[in-house]
Amino acid sequence: MSQPEPRIATLTPPYPPEIQVQFDRIMRGAPPLVLFRVMAGHSRAWDKFRAGGMLDPGPLSLRQREIVIDRTCALTGCEYEWGVHVAIFAGPAKLTAEEIRATVEGDAASPCWSLAEQALIAAVDALHHRATLSDAEFAVLAKHFDEAQILEIMLLCGFYRSVSYLANGLRLPLEQTAARFPA
C-alpha cells in the first residue's frame, strides 16, 4: 500500500542546481528527505528552516543530542522525524533498543538512563509540557551541563518541535528506511 502524498507537493528531480548542492551537503549523497523536498520548494521557508542552524553537531555529544531530539519528536507524536533520527543516528549514538523504546514509552525515571540523561529527559519533558524549567529542574540540568549545552538543549527542543509541527501538519509519509514507533 502506498503512503499518501504530503499536503504540500515536493520538489521532484532534477532539482535546481543550488538546491541540489544544498541537498548534497545535508544528505551526504543520500536522496533528500520528503521534508527537505517540501521545504525546498518554497525559498523563504527553506531558507528559514536551514537558518535554524540546528543541523550541525553543537556542544552536546551525538548521544545527548539524539536523546533530546528523539524524546522531543516522540512527545509530539512525530514518528516521521523520530524514525529518521533513530534510523540514521541511534547506532552511531550507541542508543540501545531499550533506550530507543524509552524515548517513546519511558520517562526520566526509566532505569536505562544515566543521571545526566535523566536530567536531559526531564528537561525535554518540562519544556514540552510547560515551556519552562522549574528552578529545581534547571539546577539538576546545570549539575551535568554547562551554559552552552543548556542553551543547545532548549534550542534543540524548540527546533525539533517546529520540525514535528511541519512533519505532522503536512502529513509527511514515513521515509522507507526510517524506524517506526514501538508497537
N, C-alpha and C. Protein backbone atom coordinates (compact mmCIF):
# COMPACT_ATOMS: atom_id res chain seq x y z
N MET A 1 0.85 -1.17 0.00
CA MET A 1 0.00 0.00 0.00
C MET A 1 0.89 1.24 0.00
N SER A 2 0.65 2.16 -0.91
CA SER A 2 1.47 3.37 -0.97
C SER A 2 0.97 4.38 0.06
N GLN A 3 1.91 5.18 0.52
CA GLN A 3 1.56 6.20 1.50
C GLN A 3 1.00 7.42 0.80
N PRO A 4 0.15 8.18 1.50
CA PRO A 4 -0.41 9.37 0.87
C PRO A 4 0.67 10.42 0.61
N GLU A 5 0.38 11.30 -0.30
CA GLU A 5 1.28 12.41 -0.60
C GLU A 5 1.17 13.45 0.52
N PRO A 6 2.25 14.20 0.74
CA PRO A 6 2.16 15.29 1.72
C PRO A 6 1.15 16.34 1.24
N ARG A 7 0.67 17.15 2.17
CA ARG A 7 -0.32 18.16 1.86
C ARG A 7 0.22 19.26 0.94
N ILE A 8 1.52 19.45 0.93
CA ILE A 8 2.18 20.38 0.02
C ILE A 8 3.13 19.55 -0.84
N ALA A 9 3.08 19.75 -2.13
CA ALA A 9 3.85 18.93 -3.06
C ALA A 9 5.36 19.09 -2.84
N THR A 10 6.07 18.02 -3.11
CA THR A 10 7.53 18.01 -3.01
C THR A 10 8.15 18.45 -4.33
N LEU A 11 9.37 18.95 -4.24
CA LEU A 11 10.18 19.16 -5.44
C LEU A 11 10.49 17.79 -6.03
N THR A 12 10.56 17.73 -7.33
CA THR A 12 10.95 16.48 -7.98
C THR A 12 12.22 16.72 -8.79
N PRO A 13 13.04 15.68 -8.93
CA PRO A 13 14.27 15.83 -9.71
C PRO A 13 13.96 16.07 -11.17
N PRO A 14 14.82 16.71 -11.90
CA PRO A 14 16.09 17.27 -11.41
C PRO A 14 15.84 18.56 -10.62
N TYR A 15 16.60 18.70 -9.53
CA TYR A 15 16.45 19.86 -8.67
C TYR A 15 17.25 21.03 -9.24
N PRO A 16 16.82 22.26 -8.93
CA PRO A 16 17.64 23.40 -9.33
C PRO A 16 19.06 23.22 -8.78
N PRO A 17 20.07 23.63 -9.51
CA PRO A 17 21.46 23.37 -9.10
C PRO A 17 21.79 23.83 -7.67
N GLU A 18 21.30 25.01 -7.27
CA GLU A 18 21.61 25.49 -5.92
C GLU A 18 20.95 24.63 -4.84
N ILE A 19 19.77 24.10 -5.14
CA ILE A 19 19.08 23.20 -4.21
C ILE A 19 19.80 21.85 -4.17
N GLN A 20 20.24 21.35 -5.32
CA GLN A 20 20.97 20.09 -5.37
C GLN A 20 22.23 20.17 -4.52
N VAL A 21 22.94 21.27 -4.60
CA VAL A 21 24.16 21.46 -3.79
C VAL A 21 23.80 21.41 -2.30
N GLN A 22 22.72 22.05 -1.92
CA GLN A 22 22.30 22.03 -0.51
C GLN A 22 21.89 20.63 -0.07
N PHE A 23 21.12 19.94 -0.91
CA PHE A 23 20.74 18.56 -0.60
C PHE A 23 21.98 17.68 -0.44
N ASP A 24 22.94 17.82 -1.35
CA ASP A 24 24.16 17.01 -1.29
C ASP A 24 24.91 17.26 0.01
N ARG A 25 24.98 18.52 0.42
CA ARG A 25 25.71 18.86 1.64
C ARG A 25 24.99 18.28 2.88
N ILE A 26 23.69 18.42 2.92
CA ILE A 26 22.92 17.96 4.07
C ILE A 26 22.82 16.43 4.10
N MET A 27 22.55 15.83 2.95
CA MET A 27 22.26 14.40 2.89
C MET A 27 23.49 13.53 2.65
N ARG A 28 24.61 14.14 2.32
CA ARG A 28 25.86 13.41 2.09
C ARG A 28 25.68 12.24 1.12
N GLY A 29 25.03 12.54 -0.01
CA GLY A 29 24.89 11.54 -1.06
C GLY A 29 23.60 10.73 -1.03
N ALA A 30 22.89 10.72 0.08
CA ALA A 30 21.61 10.00 0.16
C ALA A 30 20.52 10.85 -0.50
N PRO A 31 19.44 10.23 -0.94
CA PRO A 31 18.35 11.01 -1.52
C PRO A 31 17.77 11.97 -0.47
N PRO A 32 17.31 13.15 -0.90
CA PRO A 32 16.78 14.10 0.08
C PRO A 32 15.49 13.60 0.72
N LEU A 33 15.33 13.90 1.98
CA LEU A 33 14.13 13.53 2.71
C LEU A 33 12.91 14.26 2.15
N VAL A 34 11.74 13.67 2.34
CA VAL A 34 10.49 14.29 1.91
C VAL A 34 10.37 15.69 2.54
N LEU A 35 10.68 15.80 3.82
CA LEU A 35 10.59 17.10 4.49
C LEU A 35 11.43 18.15 3.76
N PHE A 36 12.64 17.80 3.40
CA PHE A 36 13.51 18.75 2.71
C PHE A 36 12.97 19.10 1.33
N ARG A 37 12.40 18.11 0.64
CA ARG A 37 11.87 18.36 -0.70
C ARG A 37 10.63 19.25 -0.66
N VAL A 38 9.84 19.16 0.40
CA VAL A 38 8.69 20.06 0.55
C VAL A 38 9.20 21.47 0.86
N MET A 39 10.07 21.58 1.85
CA MET A 39 10.55 22.90 2.28
C MET A 39 11.31 23.61 1.15
N ALA A 40 12.13 22.88 0.42
CA ALA A 40 12.97 23.50 -0.61
C ALA A 40 12.15 24.04 -1.79
N GLY A 41 10.91 23.63 -1.90
CA GLY A 41 10.04 24.15 -2.94
C GLY A 41 9.55 25.56 -2.66
N HIS A 42 9.86 26.06 -1.47
CA HIS A 42 9.40 27.39 -1.05
C HIS A 42 10.60 28.10 -0.43
N SER A 43 11.23 28.97 -1.21
CA SER A 43 12.55 29.50 -0.85
C SER A 43 12.59 30.17 0.51
N ARG A 44 11.60 30.97 0.86
CA ARG A 44 11.63 31.64 2.17
C ARG A 44 11.59 30.59 3.29
N ALA A 45 10.66 29.66 3.20
CA ALA A 45 10.55 28.62 4.24
C ALA A 45 11.84 27.79 4.32
N TRP A 46 12.39 27.42 3.17
CA TRP A 46 13.62 26.62 3.12
C TRP A 46 14.79 27.39 3.73
N ASP A 47 14.91 28.67 3.39
CA ASP A 47 16.00 29.48 3.95
C ASP A 47 15.85 29.62 5.46
N LYS A 48 14.65 29.86 5.93
CA LYS A 48 14.41 30.00 7.37
C LYS A 48 14.68 28.66 8.08
N PHE A 49 14.25 27.59 7.48
CA PHE A 49 14.46 26.26 8.06
C PHE A 49 15.96 25.98 8.21
N ARG A 50 16.70 26.21 7.13
CA ARG A 50 18.15 25.96 7.17
C ARG A 50 18.86 26.94 8.10
N ALA A 51 18.34 28.15 8.21
CA ALA A 51 18.96 29.15 9.07
C ALA A 51 18.76 28.82 10.55
N GLY A 52 17.85 27.89 10.84
CA GLY A 52 17.64 27.46 12.22
C GLY A 52 18.92 26.94 12.84
N GLY A 53 19.84 26.50 12.01
CA GLY A 53 21.18 26.15 12.44
C GLY A 53 21.31 24.97 13.37
N MET A 54 20.30 24.15 13.47
CA MET A 54 20.37 23.02 14.40
C MET A 54 20.79 21.73 13.71
N LEU A 55 21.24 21.83 12.47
CA LEU A 55 21.66 20.65 11.73
C LEU A 55 23.14 20.33 11.94
N ASP A 56 23.84 21.16 12.71
CA ASP A 56 25.26 20.91 13.00
C ASP A 56 25.39 20.26 14.37
N PRO A 57 26.56 19.70 14.71
CA PRO A 57 26.72 18.95 15.95
C PRO A 57 26.50 19.78 17.23
N GLY A 58 27.09 20.96 17.35
CA GLY A 58 26.91 21.75 18.56
C GLY A 58 27.68 21.21 19.75
N PRO A 59 27.42 21.78 20.95
CA PRO A 59 28.21 21.44 22.14
C PRO A 59 27.81 20.16 22.87
N LEU A 60 26.78 19.48 22.43
CA LEU A 60 26.38 18.22 23.05
C LEU A 60 27.01 17.05 22.31
N SER A 61 27.18 15.94 23.00
CA SER A 61 27.64 14.73 22.31
C SER A 61 26.52 14.27 21.37
N LEU A 62 26.86 13.45 20.40
CA LEU A 62 25.85 12.91 19.50
C LEU A 62 24.78 12.17 20.29
N ARG A 63 25.18 11.41 21.27
CA ARG A 63 24.22 10.66 22.10
C ARG A 63 23.26 11.60 22.81
N GLN A 64 23.79 12.63 23.46
CA GLN A 64 22.94 13.59 24.18
C GLN A 64 21.99 14.29 23.22
N ARG A 65 22.53 14.71 22.11
CA ARG A 65 21.73 15.40 21.08
C ARG A 65 20.58 14.51 20.62
N GLU A 66 20.86 13.26 20.34
CA GLU A 66 19.82 12.36 19.84
C GLU A 66 18.78 12.03 20.90
N ILE A 67 19.19 11.94 22.14
CA ILE A 67 18.20 11.73 23.21
C ILE A 67 17.22 12.89 23.24
N VAL A 68 17.73 14.11 23.16
CA VAL A 68 16.87 15.30 23.16
C VAL A 68 15.95 15.29 21.94
N ILE A 69 16.51 15.05 20.77
CA ILE A 69 15.71 15.08 19.54
C ILE A 69 14.67 13.96 19.54
N ASP A 70 15.09 12.75 19.86
CA ASP A 70 14.17 11.61 19.83
C ASP A 70 13.03 11.80 20.83
N ARG A 71 13.36 12.28 22.03
CA ARG A 71 12.32 12.48 23.04
C ARG A 71 11.36 13.59 22.61
N THR A 72 11.90 14.68 22.08
CA THR A 72 11.05 15.78 21.62
C THR A 72 10.09 15.29 20.54
N CYS A 73 10.61 14.57 19.57
CA CYS A 73 9.78 14.07 18.48
C CYS A 73 8.75 13.06 18.99
N ALA A 74 9.14 12.22 19.92
CA ALA A 74 8.21 11.24 20.48
C ALA A 74 7.07 11.95 21.21
N LEU A 75 7.39 12.97 22.01
CA LEU A 75 6.36 13.68 22.76
C LEU A 75 5.36 14.39 21.84
N THR A 76 5.82 14.82 20.68
CA THR A 76 4.93 15.49 19.73
C THR A 76 4.23 14.49 18.80
N GLY A 77 4.49 13.20 19.00
CA GLY A 77 3.88 12.18 18.16
C GLY A 77 4.39 12.21 16.73
N CYS A 78 5.62 12.67 16.55
CA CYS A 78 6.17 12.81 15.21
C CYS A 78 7.02 11.59 14.85
N GLU A 79 6.34 10.55 14.40
CA GLU A 79 7.02 9.33 14.01
C GLU A 79 7.95 9.57 12.83
N TYR A 80 7.58 10.50 11.95
CA TYR A 80 8.41 10.79 10.78
C TYR A 80 9.83 11.17 11.22
N GLU A 81 9.97 12.24 12.00
CA GLU A 81 11.31 12.72 12.35
C GLU A 81 11.99 11.81 13.36
N TRP A 82 11.25 11.27 14.30
CA TRP A 82 11.81 10.31 15.26
C TRP A 82 12.41 9.14 14.49
N GLY A 83 11.65 8.63 13.53
CA GLY A 83 12.11 7.47 12.76
C GLY A 83 13.35 7.75 11.93
N VAL A 84 13.43 8.94 11.34
CA VAL A 84 14.61 9.32 10.57
C VAL A 84 15.83 9.35 11.50
N HIS A 85 15.67 10.00 12.65
CA HIS A 85 16.81 10.11 13.57
C HIS A 85 17.22 8.77 14.15
N VAL A 86 16.28 7.94 14.51
CA VAL A 86 16.63 6.62 15.05
C VAL A 86 17.35 5.80 13.98
N ALA A 87 16.84 5.82 12.76
CA ALA A 87 17.46 5.03 11.69
C ALA A 87 18.88 5.47 11.39
N ILE A 88 19.11 6.77 11.39
CA ILE A 88 20.42 7.28 11.00
C ILE A 88 21.40 7.39 12.17
N PHE A 89 20.92 7.82 13.32
CA PHE A 89 21.83 8.20 14.40
C PHE A 89 21.84 7.29 15.63
N ALA A 90 20.86 6.43 15.81
CA ALA A 90 20.83 5.61 17.03
C ALA A 90 22.07 4.73 17.15
N GLY A 91 22.50 4.14 16.05
CA GLY A 91 23.71 3.31 16.07
C GLY A 91 24.95 4.11 16.43
N PRO A 92 25.27 5.17 15.67
CA PRO A 92 26.44 5.98 16.00
C PRO A 92 26.37 6.60 17.41
N ALA A 93 25.14 6.88 17.89
CA ALA A 93 24.98 7.46 19.23
C ALA A 93 25.00 6.39 20.33
N LYS A 94 25.11 5.13 19.91
CA LYS A 94 25.15 3.99 20.83
C LYS A 94 23.91 3.92 21.73
N LEU A 95 22.75 4.19 21.13
CA LEU A 95 21.48 4.04 21.85
C LEU A 95 21.05 2.58 21.72
N THR A 96 20.73 1.96 22.83
CA THR A 96 20.27 0.58 22.83
C THR A 96 18.80 0.51 22.44
N ALA A 97 18.33 -0.68 22.14
CA ALA A 97 16.90 -0.87 21.83
C ALA A 97 16.04 -0.41 23.00
N GLU A 98 16.47 -0.71 24.23
CA GLU A 98 15.72 -0.29 25.42
C GLU A 98 15.67 1.24 25.52
N GLU A 99 16.78 1.90 25.23
CA GLU A 99 16.82 3.36 25.30
C GLU A 99 15.96 3.98 24.19
N ILE A 100 16.01 3.41 23.00
CA ILE A 100 15.19 3.91 21.90
C ILE A 100 13.71 3.81 22.28
N ARG A 101 13.33 2.66 22.82
CA ARG A 101 11.94 2.47 23.26
C ARG A 101 11.59 3.47 24.36
N ALA A 102 12.52 3.73 25.26
CA ALA A 102 12.26 4.65 26.38
C ALA A 102 12.07 6.09 25.92
N THR A 103 12.62 6.46 24.76
CA THR A 103 12.37 7.82 24.27
C THR A 103 10.90 8.01 23.93
N VAL A 104 10.21 6.91 23.64
CA VAL A 104 8.79 6.97 23.29
C VAL A 104 7.91 6.61 24.48
N GLU A 105 8.26 5.54 25.18
CA GLU A 105 7.37 4.98 26.20
C GLU A 105 7.83 5.23 27.63
N GLY A 106 9.05 5.69 27.82
CA GLY A 106 9.58 5.86 29.17
C GLY A 106 9.44 7.29 29.66
N ASP A 107 10.23 7.56 30.71
CA ASP A 107 10.31 8.91 31.25
C ASP A 107 11.68 9.08 31.88
N ALA A 108 11.89 10.18 32.59
CA ALA A 108 13.21 10.46 33.17
C ALA A 108 13.63 9.41 34.20
N ALA A 109 12.67 8.71 34.77
CA ALA A 109 12.99 7.69 35.77
C ALA A 109 13.30 6.33 35.16
N SER A 110 13.20 6.20 33.86
CA SER A 110 13.50 4.91 33.23
C SER A 110 14.91 4.49 33.60
N PRO A 111 15.09 3.24 34.06
CA PRO A 111 16.38 2.80 34.57
C PRO A 111 17.50 2.73 33.54
N CYS A 112 17.19 2.84 32.28
CA CYS A 112 18.22 2.74 31.25
C CYS A 112 19.08 4.00 31.15
N TRP A 113 18.63 5.11 31.73
CA TRP A 113 19.34 6.38 31.59
C TRP A 113 20.32 6.64 32.71
N SER A 114 21.45 7.25 32.38
CA SER A 114 22.39 7.74 33.40
C SER A 114 21.75 8.95 34.08
N LEU A 115 22.37 9.44 35.15
CA LEU A 115 21.82 10.62 35.83
C LEU A 115 21.78 11.84 34.91
N ALA A 116 22.82 12.04 34.12
CA ALA A 116 22.83 13.18 33.19
C ALA A 116 21.73 13.01 32.15
N GLU A 117 21.52 11.79 31.66
CA GLU A 117 20.48 11.54 30.67
C GLU A 117 19.09 11.70 31.28
N GLN A 118 18.94 11.33 32.54
CA GLN A 118 17.67 11.55 33.23
C GLN A 118 17.38 13.05 33.30
N ALA A 119 18.41 13.86 33.54
CA ALA A 119 18.24 15.31 33.57
C ALA A 119 17.82 15.83 32.19
N LEU A 120 18.41 15.26 31.14
CA LEU A 120 18.02 15.63 29.77
C LEU A 120 16.55 15.33 29.51
N ILE A 121 16.14 14.12 29.81
CA ILE A 121 14.75 13.70 29.57
C ILE A 121 13.80 14.57 30.39
N ALA A 122 14.14 14.82 31.65
CA ALA A 122 13.28 15.67 32.50
C ALA A 122 13.16 17.07 31.92
N ALA A 123 14.26 17.60 31.40
CA ALA A 123 14.23 18.94 30.81
C ALA A 123 13.36 18.96 29.55
N VAL A 124 13.54 17.97 28.69
CA VAL A 124 12.73 17.90 27.46
C VAL A 124 11.25 17.80 27.83
N ASP A 125 10.94 16.94 28.80
CA ASP A 125 9.54 16.77 29.21
C ASP A 125 8.96 18.07 29.76
N ALA A 126 9.73 18.75 30.60
CA ALA A 126 9.26 20.01 31.19
C ALA A 126 9.03 21.06 30.10
N LEU A 127 10.00 21.19 29.20
CA LEU A 127 9.86 22.17 28.12
C LEU A 127 8.66 21.84 27.24
N HIS A 128 8.45 20.56 26.98
CA HIS A 128 7.32 20.16 26.14
C HIS A 128 5.99 20.48 26.83
N HIS A 129 5.86 20.11 28.09
CA HIS A 129 4.58 20.22 28.80
C HIS A 129 4.30 21.62 29.35
N ARG A 130 5.38 22.34 29.75
CA ARG A 130 5.16 23.63 30.41
C ARG A 130 5.90 24.79 29.76
N ALA A 131 6.72 24.52 28.76
CA ALA A 131 7.51 25.55 28.07
C ALA A 131 8.43 26.31 29.02
N THR A 132 8.84 25.65 30.09
CA THR A 132 9.79 26.24 31.03
C THR A 132 10.40 25.13 31.88
N LEU A 133 11.42 25.53 32.63
CA LEU A 133 12.04 24.63 33.62
C LEU A 133 11.86 25.26 34.99
N SER A 134 11.53 24.46 35.96
CA SER A 134 11.48 24.96 37.33
C SER A 134 12.91 25.22 37.80
N ASP A 135 13.06 25.93 38.89
CA ASP A 135 14.40 26.16 39.45
C ASP A 135 15.09 24.84 39.75
N ALA A 136 14.33 23.89 40.30
CA ALA A 136 14.90 22.58 40.64
C ALA A 136 15.34 21.83 39.38
N GLU A 137 14.51 21.84 38.34
CA GLU A 137 14.87 21.17 37.09
C GLU A 137 16.10 21.79 36.45
N PHE A 138 16.16 23.13 36.48
CA PHE A 138 17.33 23.82 35.92
C PHE A 138 18.58 23.48 36.72
N ALA A 139 18.46 23.43 38.04
CA ALA A 139 19.61 23.11 38.89
C ALA A 139 20.14 21.71 38.60
N VAL A 140 19.26 20.75 38.43
CA VAL A 140 19.68 19.39 38.11
C VAL A 140 20.37 19.37 36.75
N LEU A 141 19.81 20.06 35.79
CA LEU A 141 20.41 20.13 34.45
C LEU A 141 21.80 20.76 34.53
N ALA A 142 21.92 21.82 35.32
CA ALA A 142 23.20 22.55 35.44
C ALA A 142 24.27 21.73 36.17
N LYS A 143 23.90 20.70 36.89
CA LYS A 143 24.88 19.80 37.52
C LYS A 143 25.63 18.99 36.46
N HIS A 144 25.00 18.78 35.32
CA HIS A 144 25.55 17.91 34.29
C HIS A 144 25.96 18.63 33.00
N PHE A 145 25.44 19.84 32.79
CA PHE A 145 25.67 20.52 31.53
C PHE A 145 26.04 21.98 31.78
N ASP A 146 26.94 22.50 30.94
CA ASP A 146 27.33 23.91 31.07
C ASP A 146 26.30 24.80 30.37
N GLU A 147 26.52 26.10 30.44
CA GLU A 147 25.54 27.05 29.90
C GLU A 147 25.32 26.86 28.40
N ALA A 148 26.40 26.68 27.64
CA ALA A 148 26.26 26.50 26.19
C ALA A 148 25.45 25.23 25.89
N GLN A 149 25.66 24.18 26.66
CA GLN A 149 24.92 22.94 26.45
C GLN A 149 23.45 23.11 26.82
N ILE A 150 23.17 23.83 27.90
CA ILE A 150 21.78 24.06 28.30
C ILE A 150 21.04 24.86 27.22
N LEU A 151 21.70 25.89 26.70
CA LEU A 151 21.08 26.64 25.61
C LEU A 151 20.82 25.74 24.41
N GLU A 152 21.78 24.87 24.09
CA GLU A 152 21.61 23.95 22.96
C GLU A 152 20.44 23.00 23.19
N ILE A 153 20.27 22.50 24.40
CA ILE A 153 19.15 21.62 24.73
C ILE A 153 17.84 22.34 24.46
N MET A 154 17.73 23.58 24.93
CA MET A 154 16.49 24.34 24.73
C MET A 154 16.25 24.63 23.25
N LEU A 155 17.32 25.00 22.53
CA LEU A 155 17.18 25.27 21.10
C LEU A 155 16.79 24.01 20.33
N LEU A 156 17.40 22.88 20.67
CA LEU A 156 17.04 21.62 20.01
C LEU A 156 15.57 21.28 20.24
N CYS A 157 15.11 21.45 21.48
CA CYS A 157 13.70 21.16 21.78
C CYS A 157 12.78 22.03 20.92
N GLY A 158 13.09 23.31 20.85
CA GLY A 158 12.26 24.21 20.06
C GLY A 158 12.33 23.91 18.57
N PHE A 159 13.54 23.69 18.06
CA PHE A 159 13.70 23.42 16.63
C PHE A 159 12.97 22.14 16.24
N TYR A 160 13.16 21.07 17.02
CA TYR A 160 12.54 19.80 16.64
C TYR A 160 11.05 19.76 16.96
N ARG A 161 10.58 20.63 17.82
CA ARG A 161 9.13 20.79 17.96
C ARG A 161 8.59 21.42 16.67
N SER A 162 9.30 22.42 16.15
CA SER A 162 8.89 23.03 14.88
C SER A 162 8.95 22.01 13.74
N VAL A 163 10.01 21.21 13.70
CA VAL A 163 10.11 20.16 12.68
C VAL A 163 8.92 19.20 12.81
N SER A 164 8.57 18.87 14.04
CA SER A 164 7.44 17.97 14.28
C SER A 164 6.13 18.60 13.80
N TYR A 165 5.97 19.89 14.05
CA TYR A 165 4.77 20.58 13.54
C TYR A 165 4.71 20.46 12.02
N LEU A 166 5.84 20.68 11.36
CA LEU A 166 5.88 20.58 9.91
C LEU A 166 5.53 19.17 9.44
N ALA A 167 6.23 18.19 9.97
CA ALA A 167 6.03 16.81 9.52
C ALA A 167 4.61 16.33 9.82
N ASN A 168 4.11 16.63 11.00
CA ASN A 168 2.76 16.19 11.36
C ASN A 168 1.71 16.98 10.60
N GLY A 169 1.87 18.31 10.54
CA GLY A 169 0.88 19.15 9.88
C GLY A 169 0.80 18.93 8.38
N LEU A 170 1.92 18.59 7.79
CA LEU A 170 1.96 18.30 6.35
C LEU A 170 1.61 16.85 6.03
N ARG A 171 1.44 16.04 7.08
CA ARG A 171 1.17 14.61 6.94
C ARG A 171 2.19 13.95 6.02
N LEU A 172 3.46 14.19 6.36
CA LEU A 172 4.52 13.61 5.54
C LEU A 172 4.49 12.09 5.62
N PRO A 173 4.58 11.42 4.49
CA PRO A 173 4.66 9.95 4.53
C PRO A 173 5.98 9.55 5.18
N LEU A 174 5.95 8.45 5.92
CA LEU A 174 7.17 7.99 6.59
C LEU A 174 8.21 7.60 5.55
N GLU A 175 9.45 7.93 5.82
CA GLU A 175 10.54 7.54 4.95
C GLU A 175 10.68 6.02 4.97
N GLN A 176 10.95 5.44 3.82
CA GLN A 176 11.04 3.97 3.70
C GLN A 176 12.06 3.37 4.66
N THR A 177 13.19 4.05 4.84
CA THR A 177 14.28 3.50 5.65
C THR A 177 14.23 3.93 7.11
N ALA A 178 13.21 4.68 7.48
CA ALA A 178 13.11 5.19 8.86
C ALA A 178 12.59 4.13 9.81
N ALA A 179 12.93 4.29 11.07
CA ALA A 179 12.42 3.41 12.13
C ALA A 179 10.94 3.76 12.37
N ARG A 180 10.24 2.86 13.02
CA ARG A 180 8.85 3.08 13.39
C ARG A 180 8.73 3.09 14.91
N PHE A 181 7.73 3.81 15.41
CA PHE A 181 7.48 3.82 16.85
C PHE A 181 7.28 2.38 17.33
N PRO A 182 7.68 2.11 18.58
CA PRO A 182 7.45 0.76 19.13
C PRO A 182 5.97 0.39 19.08
N ALA A 183 5.73 -0.88 18.81
CA ALA A 183 4.33 -1.35 18.69
C ALA A 183 3.67 -1.40 20.05
